[in-house]
Protein backbone atom coordinates (compact mmCIF):
# COMPACT_ATOMS: atom_id res chain seq x y z
CA UNK A 1 0.00 0.00 0.00
CA UNK A 2 1.53 3.38 -0.95
CA UNK A 3 2.28 5.80 1.86
CA UNK A 4 -0.07 8.76 2.17
CA UNK A 5 1.25 12.01 0.75
CA UNK A 6 2.38 14.64 3.26
CA UNK A 7 -0.66 16.72 2.41
CA UNK A 8 -2.89 13.76 3.28
CA UNK A 9 -1.46 13.32 6.81
CA UNK A 10 -3.66 14.93 9.44
CA UNK A 11 -2.10 17.85 11.25
CA UNK A 12 -2.32 18.10 15.01
CA UNK A 13 -1.66 20.87 17.46
CA UNK A 14 0.71 20.43 20.37
CA UNK A 15 -2.28 20.54 22.71
CA UNK A 16 -3.88 17.65 20.81
CA UNK A 17 -0.74 15.53 21.15
CA UNK A 18 -0.40 16.41 24.83
CA UNK A 19 -4.00 15.55 25.64
CA UNK A 20 -3.79 12.24 23.80
CA UNK A 21 -0.79 11.19 25.89
CA UNK A 22 -1.89 12.70 29.20
CA UNK A 23 1.00 15.14 29.41
CA UNK A 24 1.44 18.88 29.27
CA UNK A 25 2.28 20.87 26.15
CA UNK A 26 5.59 21.75 27.78
CA UNK A 27 6.36 18.06 28.18
CA UNK A 28 5.78 17.54 24.47
CA UNK A 29 8.22 20.35 23.78
CA UNK A 30 10.69 18.77 26.18
CA UNK A 31 10.43 15.50 24.28
CA UNK A 32 11.15 17.33 21.05
CA UNK A 33 14.18 19.03 22.62
CA UNK A 34 15.42 15.66 23.91
CA UNK A 35 15.34 14.26 20.38
CA UNK A 36 12.88 11.45 21.10
CA UNK A 37 10.26 12.52 18.55
CA UNK A 38 10.38 12.19 14.77
CA UNK A 39 11.54 15.35 12.99
CA UNK A 40 8.91 18.07 13.06
CA UNK A 41 7.82 20.12 10.10
CA UNK A 42 7.07 23.83 10.32
CA UNK A 43 4.42 26.03 8.81
CA UNK A 44 5.35 29.08 6.80
CA UNK A 45 4.91 31.15 9.96
CA UNK A 46 7.18 28.83 11.97
CA UNK A 47 4.62 26.82 13.94
CA UNK A 48 5.42 23.17 14.63
CA UNK A 49 3.51 20.60 12.60
CA UNK A 50 2.52 17.53 14.58
CA UNK A 51 1.01 14.38 13.09
CA UNK A 52 -0.50 11.16 14.49
CA UNK A 53 2.99 9.69 14.15
CA UNK A 54 4.31 12.23 16.68
CA UNK A 55 1.37 11.52 18.96
CA UNK A 56 2.20 7.81 18.83
CA UNK A 57 5.85 8.59 19.60
CA UNK A 58 4.90 10.58 22.70
CA UNK A 59 2.74 7.73 23.97
CA UNK A 60 5.55 5.26 23.29
CA UNK A 61 8.12 7.39 25.12
CA UNK A 62 5.87 7.42 28.16
CA UNK A 63 5.55 3.63 28.13
CA UNK A 64 9.28 3.11 27.61
CA UNK A 65 10.11 5.48 30.45
CA UNK A 66 7.66 3.72 32.77
CA UNK A 67 9.09 0.31 31.93
CA UNK A 68 12.76 0.91 31.25
CA UNK A 69 13.57 4.33 32.68
CA UNK A 70 14.00 7.68 31.00
CA UNK A 71 17.62 7.26 29.89
CA UNK A 72 16.89 4.01 28.11
CA UNK A 73 13.69 5.44 26.62
CA UNK A 74 15.65 8.34 25.17
CA UNK A 75 18.36 6.07 23.77
CA UNK A 76 15.80 3.74 22.20
CA UNK A 77 13.75 6.50 20.57
CA UNK A 78 16.79 8.30 19.21
CA UNK A 79 18.08 5.04 17.75
CA UNK A 80 14.73 4.19 16.19
CA UNK A 81 14.38 7.57 14.52
CA UNK A 82 17.97 7.33 13.28
CA UNK A 83 17.11 4.01 11.62
CA UNK A 84 19.30 2.06 14.05
CA UNK A 85 16.77 -0.48 15.30
CA UNK A 86 19.51 -2.93 16.30
CA UNK A 87 20.80 -0.54 18.95
CA UNK A 88 17.29 0.04 20.27
CA UNK A 89 16.69 -3.69 20.61
CA UNK A 90 20.06 -4.23 22.30
CA UNK A 91 19.17 -1.62 24.93
CA UNK A 92 15.89 -3.37 25.68
CA UNK A 93 17.55 -6.78 25.77
CA UNK A 94 19.95 -5.53 28.46
CA UNK A 95 17.07 -4.07 30.40
CA UNK A 96 15.16 -7.35 30.41
CA UNK A 97 18.35 -9.23 31.31
CA UNK A 98 18.73 -7.07 34.41
CA UNK A 99 15.38 -8.29 35.68
CA UNK A 100 16.42 -11.86 35.03
CA UNK A 101 19.61 -11.38 37.05
CA UNK A 102 17.68 -9.77 39.89
CA UNK A 103 15.19 -12.63 39.89
CA UNK A 104 18.07 -15.11 40.10
CA UNK A 105 19.65 -13.19 42.98
CA UNK A 106 16.42 -13.26 44.94
CA UNK A 107 16.11 -17.00 44.37
CA UNK A 108 19.71 -17.51 45.49
CA UNK A 109 19.25 -15.59 48.73
CA UNK A 110 16.03 -17.45 49.52
CA UNK A 111 17.81 -20.71 48.81
CA UNK A 112 20.62 -19.67 51.13
CA UNK A 113 18.19 -19.06 53.94
CA UNK A 114 16.57 -22.41 53.28
CA UNK A 115 20.01 -23.94 53.74
CA UNK A 116 20.13 -22.35 57.19
CA UNK A 117 16.73 -23.68 58.24
CA UNK A 118 18.27 -25.99 60.81
CA UNK A 119 18.77 -25.64 64.57
CA UNK A 120 21.76 -23.38 65.27
CA UNK A 121 25.00 -25.17 66.03
CA UNK A 122 27.00 -24.29 69.13
CA UNK A 123 29.74 -21.79 68.49
CA UNK A 124 32.46 -24.14 69.75
CA UNK A 125 32.56 -27.88 70.36
CA UNK A 126 31.10 -29.14 73.66
CA UNK A 127 33.55 -28.89 76.52
CA UNK A 128 35.48 -25.96 75.07
CA UNK A 129 36.32 -23.39 77.76
CA UNK A 130 34.08 -20.34 77.88
CA UNK A 131 36.07 -17.23 76.98
CA UNK A 132 35.36 -13.62 76.13
CA UNK A 133 37.03 -14.21 72.79
CA UNK A 134 38.46 -17.11 70.79
CA UNK A 135 41.55 -16.76 68.63
CA UNK A 136 41.50 -17.37 64.89
CA UNK A 137 43.15 -20.79 65.01
CA UNK A 138 40.50 -22.23 67.31
CA UNK A 139 37.74 -20.75 65.18
CA UNK A 140 39.25 -22.20 62.02
CA UNK A 141 39.38 -25.64 63.63
CA UNK A 142 35.78 -25.35 64.88
CA UNK A 143 34.47 -24.21 61.51
CA UNK A 144 36.62 -26.55 59.43
CA UNK A 145 38.45 -24.03 57.28
CA UNK A 146 41.92 -22.53 57.09
CA UNK A 147 42.73 -19.35 58.98
CA UNK A 148 43.39 -17.71 55.60
CA UNK A 149 39.72 -18.25 54.68
CA UNK A 150 38.62 -16.42 57.83
CA UNK A 151 40.89 -13.51 56.93
CA UNK A 152 39.46 -13.38 53.41
CA UNK A 153 35.91 -13.39 54.77
CA UNK A 154 36.87 -10.61 57.13
CA UNK A 155 38.20 -8.64 54.18
CA UNK A 156 34.82 -8.99 52.50
CA UNK A 157 33.09 -7.70 55.62
CA UNK A 158 31.49 -11.04 56.45
CA UNK A 159 33.24 -11.37 59.81
CA UNK A 160 34.18 -8.69 62.33
CA UNK A 161 36.56 -10.07 64.92
CA UNK A 162 37.90 -7.78 67.61
CA UNK A 163 41.56 -7.53 68.61
CA UNK A 164 43.37 -8.36 71.81
CA UNK A 165 44.62 -5.14 73.32
CA UNK A 166 48.15 -6.30 74.06
CA UNK A 167 48.94 -8.79 71.27
CA UNK A 168 46.69 -7.49 68.50
CA UNK A 169 45.52 -11.03 67.76
CA UNK A 170 42.07 -11.51 66.26
CA UNK A 171 39.48 -12.79 68.72
CA UNK A 172 35.95 -13.94 67.96
CA UNK A 173 33.07 -13.83 70.40
CA UNK A 174 30.38 -16.52 70.45
CA UNK A 175 28.11 -14.73 67.97
CA UNK A 176 30.97 -14.14 65.54
CA UNK A 177 31.94 -17.80 65.61
CA UNK A 178 28.36 -18.72 64.72
CA UNK A 179 28.51 -16.31 61.80
CA UNK A 180 31.73 -17.96 60.69
CA UNK A 181 29.89 -21.29 60.67
CA UNK A 182 27.11 -19.78 58.55
CA UNK A 183 29.61 -18.31 56.07
CA UNK A 184 31.43 -21.65 55.83
CA UNK A 185 28.17 -23.49 55.24
CA UNK A 186 27.07 -21.17 52.46
CA UNK A 187 30.47 -21.05 50.79
CA UNK A 188 30.59 -24.83 50.76
CA UNK A 189 27.27 -24.59 48.93
CA UNK A 190 28.99 -22.37 46.34
CA UNK A 191 26.96 -19.28 47.18
CA UNK A 192 28.75 -16.14 45.94
CA UNK A 193 30.14 -13.60 48.38
CA UNK A 194 27.40 -11.07 47.57
CA UNK A 195 24.68 -13.52 48.57
CA UNK A 196 26.52 -14.58 51.71
CA UNK A 197 26.94 -10.93 52.66
CA UNK A 198 23.21 -10.31 52.28
CA UNK A 199 22.49 -13.23 54.62
CA UNK A 200 25.10 -12.24 57.20
CA UNK A 201 24.05 -8.59 57.20
CA UNK A 202 20.48 -9.58 57.92
CA UNK A 203 21.44 -12.03 60.64
CA UNK A 204 23.71 -9.40 62.16
CA UNK A 205 21.00 -6.72 62.21
CA UNK A 206 18.00 -8.82 63.29
CA UNK A 207 19.29 -12.21 64.34
CA UNK A 208 16.60 -13.74 62.11
CA UNK A 209 16.09 -14.23 58.37
CA UNK A 210 12.38 -13.43 58.59
CA UNK A 211 12.73 -9.74 57.83
CA UNK A 212 14.86 -10.34 54.77
CA UNK A 213 12.38 -12.97 53.55
CA UNK A 214 9.61 -10.37 53.84
CA UNK A 215 11.70 -7.81 52.00
CA UNK A 216 12.55 -10.29 49.26
CA UNK A 217 8.85 -11.07 48.86
CA UNK A 218 8.25 -7.36 48.30
CA UNK A 219 11.09 -7.26 45.80
CA UNK A 220 9.59 -10.21 43.94
CA UNK A 221 6.25 -8.40 43.71
CA UNK A 222 7.95 -5.24 42.46
CA UNK A 223 9.97 -7.31 40.01
CA UNK A 224 6.76 -8.80 38.62
CA UNK A 225 5.28 -5.31 38.25
CA UNK A 226 8.37 -3.95 36.48
CA UNK A 227 8.53 -6.99 34.21
CA UNK A 228 4.96 -6.37 33.04
CA UNK A 229 5.71 -2.68 32.46
CA UNK A 230 8.73 -3.57 30.34
CA UNK A 231 6.75 -6.15 28.43
CA UNK A 232 4.05 -3.57 27.69
CA UNK A 233 6.64 -1.06 26.53
CA UNK A 234 8.35 -3.60 24.29
CA UNK A 235 5.02 -4.56 22.74
CA UNK A 236 4.27 -0.89 22.10
CA UNK A 237 7.65 -0.44 20.42
CA UNK A 238 6.97 -3.43 18.17
CA UNK A 239 3.66 -1.90 17.10
CA UNK A 240 5.31 1.49 16.54
CA UNK A 241 8.02 -0.05 14.38
CA UNK A 242 5.48 -1.97 12.32
CA UNK A 243 3.72 1.28 11.48
CA UNK A 244 6.79 3.19 10.38
CA UNK A 245 8.44 0.44 8.29
C-alpha atoms as a PDB file:
ATOM      1  CA  UNK A   1       0.000   0.000   0.000  1.00  0.00           C
ATOM      2  CA  UNK A   2       1.532   3.385  -0.951  1.00  0.00           C
ATOM      3  CA  UNK A   3       2.281   5.803   1.862  1.00  0.00           C
ATOM      4  CA  UNK A   4      -0.070   8.760   2.167  1.00  0.00           C
ATOM      5  CA  UNK A   5       1.254  12.009   0.750  1.00  0.00           C
ATOM      6  CA  UNK A   6       2.377  14.636   3.256  1.00  0.00           C
ATOM      7  CA  UNK A   7      -0.659  16.719   2.405  1.00  0.00           C
ATOM      8  CA  UNK A   8      -2.892  13.758   3.284  1.00  0.00           C
ATOM      9  CA  UNK A   9      -1.456  13.324   6.806  1.00  0.00           C
ATOM     10  CA  UNK A  10      -3.662  14.930   9.438  1.00  0.00           C
ATOM     11  CA  UNK A  11      -2.103  17.848  11.248  1.00  0.00           C
ATOM     12  CA  UNK A  12      -2.320  18.097  15.008  1.00  0.00           C
ATOM     13  CA  UNK A  13      -1.657  20.871  17.459  1.00  0.00           C
ATOM     14  CA  UNK A  14       0.708  20.433  20.372  1.00  0.00           C
ATOM     15  CA  UNK A  15      -2.276  20.539  22.711  1.00  0.00           C
ATOM     16  CA  UNK A  16      -3.881  17.650  20.809  1.00  0.00           C
ATOM     17  CA  UNK A  17      -0.736  15.535  21.145  1.00  0.00           C
ATOM     18  CA  UNK A  18      -0.402  16.414  24.827  1.00  0.00           C
ATOM     19  CA  UNK A  19      -3.995  15.550  25.643  1.00  0.00           C
ATOM     20  CA  UNK A  20      -3.789  12.235  23.803  1.00  0.00           C
ATOM     21  CA  UNK A  21      -0.788  11.192  25.891  1.00  0.00           C
ATOM     22  CA  UNK A  22      -1.893  12.696  29.202  1.00  0.00           C
ATOM     23  CA  UNK A  23       1.003  15.138  29.410  1.00  0.00           C
ATOM     24  CA  UNK A  24       1.444  18.885  29.266  1.00  0.00           C
ATOM     25  CA  UNK A  25       2.284  20.868  26.145  1.00  0.00           C
ATOM     26  CA  UNK A  26       5.588  21.750  27.779  1.00  0.00           C
ATOM     27  CA  UNK A  27       6.363  18.062  28.183  1.00  0.00           C
ATOM     28  CA  UNK A  28       5.776  17.537  24.472  1.00  0.00           C
ATOM     29  CA  UNK A  29       8.221  20.351  23.778  1.00  0.00           C
ATOM     30  CA  UNK A  30      10.685  18.771  26.184  1.00  0.00           C
ATOM     31  CA  UNK A  31      10.427  15.497  24.280  1.00  0.00           C
ATOM     32  CA  UNK A  32      11.146  17.327  21.045  1.00  0.00           C
ATOM     33  CA  UNK A  33      14.177  19.028  22.616  1.00  0.00           C
ATOM     34  CA  UNK A  34      15.424  15.655  23.907  1.00  0.00           C
ATOM     35  CA  UNK A  35      15.339  14.255  20.378  1.00  0.00           C
ATOM     36  CA  UNK A  36      12.879  11.446  21.103  1.00  0.00           C
ATOM     37  CA  UNK A  37      10.257  12.516  18.555  1.00  0.00           C
ATOM     38  CA  UNK A  38      10.382  12.195  14.773  1.00  0.00           C
ATOM     39  CA  UNK A  39      11.539  15.351  12.990  1.00  0.00           C
ATOM     40  CA  UNK A  40       8.905  18.071  13.060  1.00  0.00           C
ATOM     41  CA  UNK A  41       7.816  20.119  10.097  1.00  0.00           C
ATOM     42  CA  UNK A  42       7.074  23.829  10.321  1.00  0.00           C
ATOM     43  CA  UNK A  43       4.417  26.035   8.814  1.00  0.00           C
ATOM     44  CA  UNK A  44       5.348  29.076   6.798  1.00  0.00           C
ATOM     45  CA  UNK A  45       4.913  31.146   9.956  1.00  0.00           C
ATOM     46  CA  UNK A  46       7.180  28.831  11.972  1.00  0.00           C
ATOM     47  CA  UNK A  47       4.619  26.816  13.943  1.00  0.00           C
ATOM     48  CA  UNK A  48       5.424  23.167  14.629  1.00  0.00           C
ATOM     49  CA  UNK A  49       3.508  20.605  12.596  1.00  0.00           C
ATOM     50  CA  UNK A  50       2.516  17.526  14.585  1.00  0.00           C
ATOM     51  CA  UNK A  51       1.006  14.384  13.088  1.00  0.00           C
ATOM     52  CA  UNK A  52      -0.505  11.163  14.485  1.00  0.00           C
ATOM     53  CA  UNK A  53       2.994   9.690  14.155  1.00  0.00           C
ATOM     54  CA  UNK A  54       4.307  12.235  16.677  1.00  0.00           C
ATOM     55  CA  UNK A  55       1.371  11.520  18.962  1.00  0.00           C
ATOM     56  CA  UNK A  56       2.202   7.808  18.834  1.00  0.00           C
ATOM     57  CA  UNK A  57       5.853   8.587  19.599  1.00  0.00           C
ATOM     58  CA  UNK A  58       4.901  10.580  22.698  1.00  0.00           C
ATOM     59  CA  UNK A  59       2.743   7.729  23.966  1.00  0.00           C
ATOM     60  CA  UNK A  60       5.553   5.260  23.292  1.00  0.00           C
ATOM     61  CA  UNK A  61       8.120   7.392  25.121  1.00  0.00           C
ATOM     62  CA  UNK A  62       5.873   7.417  28.158  1.00  0.00           C
ATOM     63  CA  UNK A  63       5.548   3.634  28.132  1.00  0.00           C
ATOM     64  CA  UNK A  64       9.276   3.110  27.613  1.00  0.00           C
ATOM     65  CA  UNK A  65      10.110   5.481  30.453  1.00  0.00           C
ATOM     66  CA  UNK A  66       7.660   3.717  32.769  1.00  0.00           C
ATOM     67  CA  UNK A  67       9.089   0.313  31.929  1.00  0.00           C
ATOM     68  CA  UNK A  68      12.761   0.907  31.247  1.00  0.00           C
ATOM     69  CA  UNK A  69      13.567   4.330  32.685  1.00  0.00           C
ATOM     70  CA  UNK A  70      14.004   7.685  31.002  1.00  0.00           C
ATOM     71  CA  UNK A  71      17.624   7.260  29.893  1.00  0.00           C
ATOM     72  CA  UNK A  72      16.886   4.006  28.108  1.00  0.00           C
ATOM     73  CA  UNK A  73      13.692   5.442  26.617  1.00  0.00           C
ATOM     74  CA  UNK A  74      15.649   8.340  25.172  1.00  0.00           C
ATOM     75  CA  UNK A  75      18.355   6.073  23.772  1.00  0.00           C
ATOM     76  CA  UNK A  76      15.801   3.740  22.201  1.00  0.00           C
ATOM     77  CA  UNK A  77      13.753   6.497  20.574  1.00  0.00           C
ATOM     78  CA  UNK A  78      16.789   8.300  19.210  1.00  0.00           C
ATOM     79  CA  UNK A  79      18.081   5.037  17.749  1.00  0.00           C
ATOM     80  CA  UNK A  80      14.727   4.188  16.187  1.00  0.00           C
ATOM     81  CA  UNK A  81      14.378   7.568  14.515  1.00  0.00           C
ATOM     82  CA  UNK A  82      17.966   7.331  13.276  1.00  0.00           C
ATOM     83  CA  UNK A  83      17.114   4.006  11.621  1.00  0.00           C
ATOM     84  CA  UNK A  84      19.298   2.060  14.054  1.00  0.00           C
ATOM     85  CA  UNK A  85      16.769  -0.478  15.296  1.00  0.00           C
ATOM     86  CA  UNK A  86      19.514  -2.932  16.297  1.00  0.00           C
ATOM     87  CA  UNK A  87      20.802  -0.539  18.953  1.00  0.00           C
ATOM     88  CA  UNK A  88      17.293   0.037  20.270  1.00  0.00           C
ATOM     89  CA  UNK A  89      16.694  -3.693  20.606  1.00  0.00           C
ATOM     90  CA  UNK A  90      20.060  -4.233  22.301  1.00  0.00           C
ATOM     91  CA  UNK A  91      19.172  -1.622  24.925  1.00  0.00           C
ATOM     92  CA  UNK A  92      15.885  -3.365  25.677  1.00  0.00           C
ATOM     93  CA  UNK A  93      17.548  -6.782  25.771  1.00  0.00           C
ATOM     94  CA  UNK A  94      19.950  -5.533  28.456  1.00  0.00           C
ATOM     95  CA  UNK A  95      17.066  -4.070  30.398  1.00  0.00           C
ATOM     96  CA  UNK A  96      15.155  -7.349  30.409  1.00  0.00           C
ATOM     97  CA  UNK A  97      18.346  -9.230  31.305  1.00  0.00           C
ATOM     98  CA  UNK A  98      18.735  -7.070  34.414  1.00  0.00           C
ATOM     99  CA  UNK A  99      15.379  -8.288  35.680  1.00  0.00           C
ATOM    100  CA  UNK A 100      16.420 -11.861  35.030  1.00  0.00           C
ATOM    101  CA  UNK A 101      19.609 -11.377  37.051  1.00  0.00           C
ATOM    102  CA  UNK A 102      17.677  -9.775  39.893  1.00  0.00           C
ATOM    103  CA  UNK A 103      15.192 -12.635  39.888  1.00  0.00           C
ATOM    104  CA  UNK A 104      18.073 -15.110  40.096  1.00  0.00           C
ATOM    105  CA  UNK A 105      19.654 -13.188  42.980  1.00  0.00           C
ATOM    106  CA  UNK A 106      16.415 -13.262  44.942  1.00  0.00           C
ATOM    107  CA  UNK A 107      16.109 -16.998  44.373  1.00  0.00           C
ATOM    108  CA  UNK A 108      19.715 -17.512  45.485  1.00  0.00           C
ATOM    109  CA  UNK A 109      19.248 -15.593  48.731  1.00  0.00           C
ATOM    110  CA  UNK A 110      16.034 -17.451  49.523  1.00  0.00           C
ATOM    111  CA  UNK A 111      17.806 -20.711  48.811  1.00  0.00           C
ATOM    112  CA  UNK A 112      20.622 -19.668  51.125  1.00  0.00           C
ATOM    113  CA  UNK A 113      18.189 -19.055  53.941  1.00  0.00           C
ATOM    114  CA  UNK A 114      16.568 -22.413  53.281  1.00  0.00           C
ATOM    115  CA  UNK A 115      20.007 -23.945  53.744  1.00  0.00           C
ATOM    116  CA  UNK A 116      20.134 -22.351  57.187  1.00  0.00           C
ATOM    117  CA  UNK A 117      16.726 -23.677  58.237  1.00  0.00           C
ATOM    118  CA  UNK A 118      18.266 -25.995  60.808  1.00  0.00           C
ATOM    119  CA  UNK A 119      18.768 -25.644  64.568  1.00  0.00           C
ATOM    120  CA  UNK A 120      21.761 -23.378  65.269  1.00  0.00           C
ATOM    121  CA  UNK A 121      25.005 -25.168  66.027  1.00  0.00           C
ATOM    122  CA  UNK A 122      27.005 -24.291  69.131  1.00  0.00           C
ATOM    123  CA  UNK A 123      29.744 -21.792  68.490  1.00  0.00           C
ATOM    124  CA  UNK A 124      32.461 -24.135  69.749  1.00  0.00           C
ATOM    125  CA  UNK A 125      32.561 -27.883  70.360  1.00  0.00           C
ATOM    126  CA  UNK A 126      31.095 -29.136  73.658  1.00  0.00           C
ATOM    127  CA  UNK A 127      33.551 -28.891  76.523  1.00  0.00           C
ATOM    128  CA  UNK A 128      35.483 -25.957  75.067  1.00  0.00           C
ATOM    129  CA  UNK A 129      36.316 -23.389  77.756  1.00  0.00           C
ATOM    130  CA  UNK A 130      34.082 -20.340  77.878  1.00  0.00           C
ATOM    131  CA  UNK A 131      36.070 -17.232  76.978  1.00  0.00           C
ATOM    132  CA  UNK A 132      35.358 -13.622  76.133  1.00  0.00           C
ATOM    133  CA  UNK A 133      37.029 -14.210  72.792  1.00  0.00           C
ATOM    134  CA  UNK A 134      38.460 -17.115  70.789  1.00  0.00           C
ATOM    135  CA  UNK A 135      41.548 -16.758  68.625  1.00  0.00           C
ATOM    136  CA  UNK A 136      41.498 -17.369  64.895  1.00  0.00           C
ATOM    137  CA  UNK A 137      43.150 -20.789  65.012  1.00  0.00           C
ATOM    138  CA  UNK A 138      40.504 -22.229  67.307  1.00  0.00           C
ATOM    139  CA  UNK A 139      37.745 -20.746  65.182  1.00  0.00           C
ATOM    140  CA  UNK A 140      39.249 -22.198  62.016  1.00  0.00           C
ATOM    141  CA  UNK A 141      39.384 -25.642  63.635  1.00  0.00           C
ATOM    142  CA  UNK A 142      35.782 -25.349  64.880  1.00  0.00           C
ATOM    143  CA  UNK A 143      34.466 -24.211  61.508  1.00  0.00           C
ATOM    144  CA  UNK A 144      36.617 -26.554  59.429  1.00  0.00           C
ATOM    145  CA  UNK A 145      38.454 -24.034  57.284  1.00  0.00           C
ATOM    146  CA  UNK A 146      41.923 -22.527  57.086  1.00  0.00           C
ATOM    147  CA  UNK A 147      42.734 -19.353  58.982  1.00  0.00           C
ATOM    148  CA  UNK A 148      43.386 -17.705  55.603  1.00  0.00           C
ATOM    149  CA  UNK A 149      39.721 -18.246  54.680  1.00  0.00           C
ATOM    150  CA  UNK A 150      38.620 -16.424  57.830  1.00  0.00           C
ATOM    151  CA  UNK A 151      40.888 -13.510  56.925  1.00  0.00           C
ATOM    152  CA  UNK A 152      39.459 -13.379  53.408  1.00  0.00           C
ATOM    153  CA  UNK A 153      35.909 -13.385  54.765  1.00  0.00           C
ATOM    154  CA  UNK A 154      36.866 -10.607  57.133  1.00  0.00           C
ATOM    155  CA  UNK A 155      38.203  -8.637  54.182  1.00  0.00           C
ATOM    156  CA  UNK A 156      34.820  -8.987  52.498  1.00  0.00           C
ATOM    157  CA  UNK A 157      33.085  -7.700  55.618  1.00  0.00           C
ATOM    158  CA  UNK A 158      31.493 -11.041  56.455  1.00  0.00           C
ATOM    159  CA  UNK A 159      33.239 -11.367  59.805  1.00  0.00           C
ATOM    160  CA  UNK A 160      34.184  -8.690  62.330  1.00  0.00           C
ATOM    161  CA  UNK A 161      36.559 -10.071  64.923  1.00  0.00           C
ATOM    162  CA  UNK A 162      37.902  -7.784  67.611  1.00  0.00           C
ATOM    163  CA  UNK A 163      41.561  -7.533  68.609  1.00  0.00           C
ATOM    164  CA  UNK A 164      43.373  -8.356  71.813  1.00  0.00           C
ATOM    165  CA  UNK A 165      44.617  -5.137  73.320  1.00  0.00           C
ATOM    166  CA  UNK A 166      48.155  -6.305  74.058  1.00  0.00           C
ATOM    167  CA  UNK A 167      48.940  -8.786  71.267  1.00  0.00           C
ATOM    168  CA  UNK A 168      46.687  -7.488  68.496  1.00  0.00           C
ATOM    169  CA  UNK A 169      45.518 -11.033  67.756  1.00  0.00           C
ATOM    170  CA  UNK A 170      42.071 -11.508  66.263  1.00  0.00           C
ATOM    171  CA  UNK A 171      39.478 -12.790  68.724  1.00  0.00           C
ATOM    172  CA  UNK A 172      35.948 -13.935  67.961  1.00  0.00           C
ATOM    173  CA  UNK A 173      33.066 -13.826  70.398  1.00  0.00           C
ATOM    174  CA  UNK A 174      30.375 -16.520  70.446  1.00  0.00           C
ATOM    175  CA  UNK A 175      28.107 -14.731  67.971  1.00  0.00           C
ATOM    176  CA  UNK A 176      30.972 -14.135  65.537  1.00  0.00           C
ATOM    177  CA  UNK A 177      31.944 -17.800  65.613  1.00  0.00           C
ATOM    178  CA  UNK A 178      28.356 -18.717  64.723  1.00  0.00           C
ATOM    179  CA  UNK A 179      28.513 -16.308  61.802  1.00  0.00           C
ATOM    180  CA  UNK A 180      31.731 -17.957  60.685  1.00  0.00           C
ATOM    181  CA  UNK A 181      29.890 -21.287  60.667  1.00  0.00           C
ATOM    182  CA  UNK A 182      27.112 -19.779  58.551  1.00  0.00           C
ATOM    183  CA  UNK A 183      29.610 -18.314  56.074  1.00  0.00           C
ATOM    184  CA  UNK A 184      31.434 -21.654  55.827  1.00  0.00           C
ATOM    185  CA  UNK A 185      28.166 -23.495  55.244  1.00  0.00           C
ATOM    186  CA  UNK A 186      27.071 -21.170  52.460  1.00  0.00           C
ATOM    187  CA  UNK A 187      30.468 -21.048  50.791  1.00  0.00           C
ATOM    188  CA  UNK A 188      30.585 -24.829  50.756  1.00  0.00           C
ATOM    189  CA  UNK A 189      27.266 -24.589  48.932  1.00  0.00           C
ATOM    190  CA  UNK A 190      28.994 -22.365  46.343  1.00  0.00           C
ATOM    191  CA  UNK A 191      26.961 -19.275  47.185  1.00  0.00           C
ATOM    192  CA  UNK A 192      28.754 -16.142  45.937  1.00  0.00           C
ATOM    193  CA  UNK A 193      30.142 -13.598  48.379  1.00  0.00           C
ATOM    194  CA  UNK A 194      27.405 -11.065  47.571  1.00  0.00           C
ATOM    195  CA  UNK A 195      24.679 -13.525  48.568  1.00  0.00           C
ATOM    196  CA  UNK A 196      26.521 -14.584  51.712  1.00  0.00           C
ATOM    197  CA  UNK A 197      26.939 -10.929  52.662  1.00  0.00           C
ATOM    198  CA  UNK A 198      23.211 -10.313  52.285  1.00  0.00           C
ATOM    199  CA  UNK A 199      22.487 -13.227  54.620  1.00  0.00           C
ATOM    200  CA  UNK A 200      25.101 -12.237  57.198  1.00  0.00           C
ATOM    201  CA  UNK A 201      24.051  -8.585  57.196  1.00  0.00           C
ATOM    202  CA  UNK A 202      20.481  -9.585  57.920  1.00  0.00           C
ATOM    203  CA  UNK A 203      21.440 -12.032  60.641  1.00  0.00           C
ATOM    204  CA  UNK A 204      23.708  -9.398  62.158  1.00  0.00           C
ATOM    205  CA  UNK A 205      20.999  -6.722  62.214  1.00  0.00           C
ATOM    206  CA  UNK A 206      18.004  -8.816  63.289  1.00  0.00           C
ATOM    207  CA  UNK A 207      19.293 -12.215  64.338  1.00  0.00           C
ATOM    208  CA  UNK A 208      16.600 -13.742  62.111  1.00  0.00           C
ATOM    209  CA  UNK A 209      16.085 -14.226  58.371  1.00  0.00           C
ATOM    210  CA  UNK A 210      12.383 -13.431  58.588  1.00  0.00           C
ATOM    211  CA  UNK A 211      12.726  -9.736  57.828  1.00  0.00           C
ATOM    212  CA  UNK A 212      14.856 -10.339  54.771  1.00  0.00           C
ATOM    213  CA  UNK A 213      12.378 -12.974  53.548  1.00  0.00           C
ATOM    214  CA  UNK A 214       9.606 -10.368  53.840  1.00  0.00           C
ATOM    215  CA  UNK A 215      11.703  -7.813  52.000  1.00  0.00           C
ATOM    216  CA  UNK A 216      12.545 -10.294  49.263  1.00  0.00           C
ATOM    217  CA  UNK A 217       8.854 -11.073  48.857  1.00  0.00           C
ATOM    218  CA  UNK A 218       8.253  -7.357  48.301  1.00  0.00           C
ATOM    219  CA  UNK A 219      11.095  -7.264  45.797  1.00  0.00           C
ATOM    220  CA  UNK A 220       9.591 -10.205  43.936  1.00  0.00           C
ATOM    221  CA  UNK A 221       6.247  -8.397  43.710  1.00  0.00           C
ATOM    222  CA  UNK A 222       7.952  -5.245  42.464  1.00  0.00           C
ATOM    223  CA  UNK A 223       9.965  -7.313  40.007  1.00  0.00           C
ATOM    224  CA  UNK A 224       6.755  -8.796  38.622  1.00  0.00           C
ATOM    225  CA  UNK A 225       5.277  -5.310  38.252  1.00  0.00           C
ATOM    226  CA  UNK A 226       8.366  -3.954  36.478  1.00  0.00           C
ATOM    227  CA  UNK A 227       8.525  -6.990  34.211  1.00  0.00           C
ATOM    228  CA  UNK A 228       4.965  -6.367  33.045  1.00  0.00           C
ATOM    229  CA  UNK A 229       5.708  -2.679  32.455  1.00  0.00           C
ATOM    230  CA  UNK A 230       8.730  -3.570  30.341  1.00  0.00           C
ATOM    231  CA  UNK A 231       6.749  -6.152  28.428  1.00  0.00           C
ATOM    232  CA  UNK A 232       4.050  -3.574  27.695  1.00  0.00           C
ATOM    233  CA  UNK A 233       6.640  -1.058  26.528  1.00  0.00           C
ATOM    234  CA  UNK A 234       8.354  -3.600  24.289  1.00  0.00           C
ATOM    235  CA  UNK A 235       5.020  -4.558  22.741  1.00  0.00           C
ATOM    236  CA  UNK A 236       4.267  -0.886  22.098  1.00  0.00           C
ATOM    237  CA  UNK A 237       7.652  -0.437  20.423  1.00  0.00           C
ATOM    238  CA  UNK A 238       6.971  -3.432  18.172  1.00  0.00           C
ATOM    239  CA  UNK A 239       3.655  -1.901  17.103  1.00  0.00           C
ATOM    240  CA  UNK A 240       5.309   1.491  16.542  1.00  0.00           C
ATOM    241  CA  UNK A 241       8.022  -0.047  14.377  1.00  0.00           C
ATOM    242  CA  UNK A 242       5.475  -1.973  12.316  1.00  0.00           C
ATOM    243  CA  UNK A 243       3.715   1.282  11.483  1.00  0.00           C
ATOM    244  CA  UNK A 244       6.790   3.186  10.376  1.00  0.00           C
ATOM    245  CA  UNK A 245       8.438   0.435   8.293  1.00  0.00           C
END
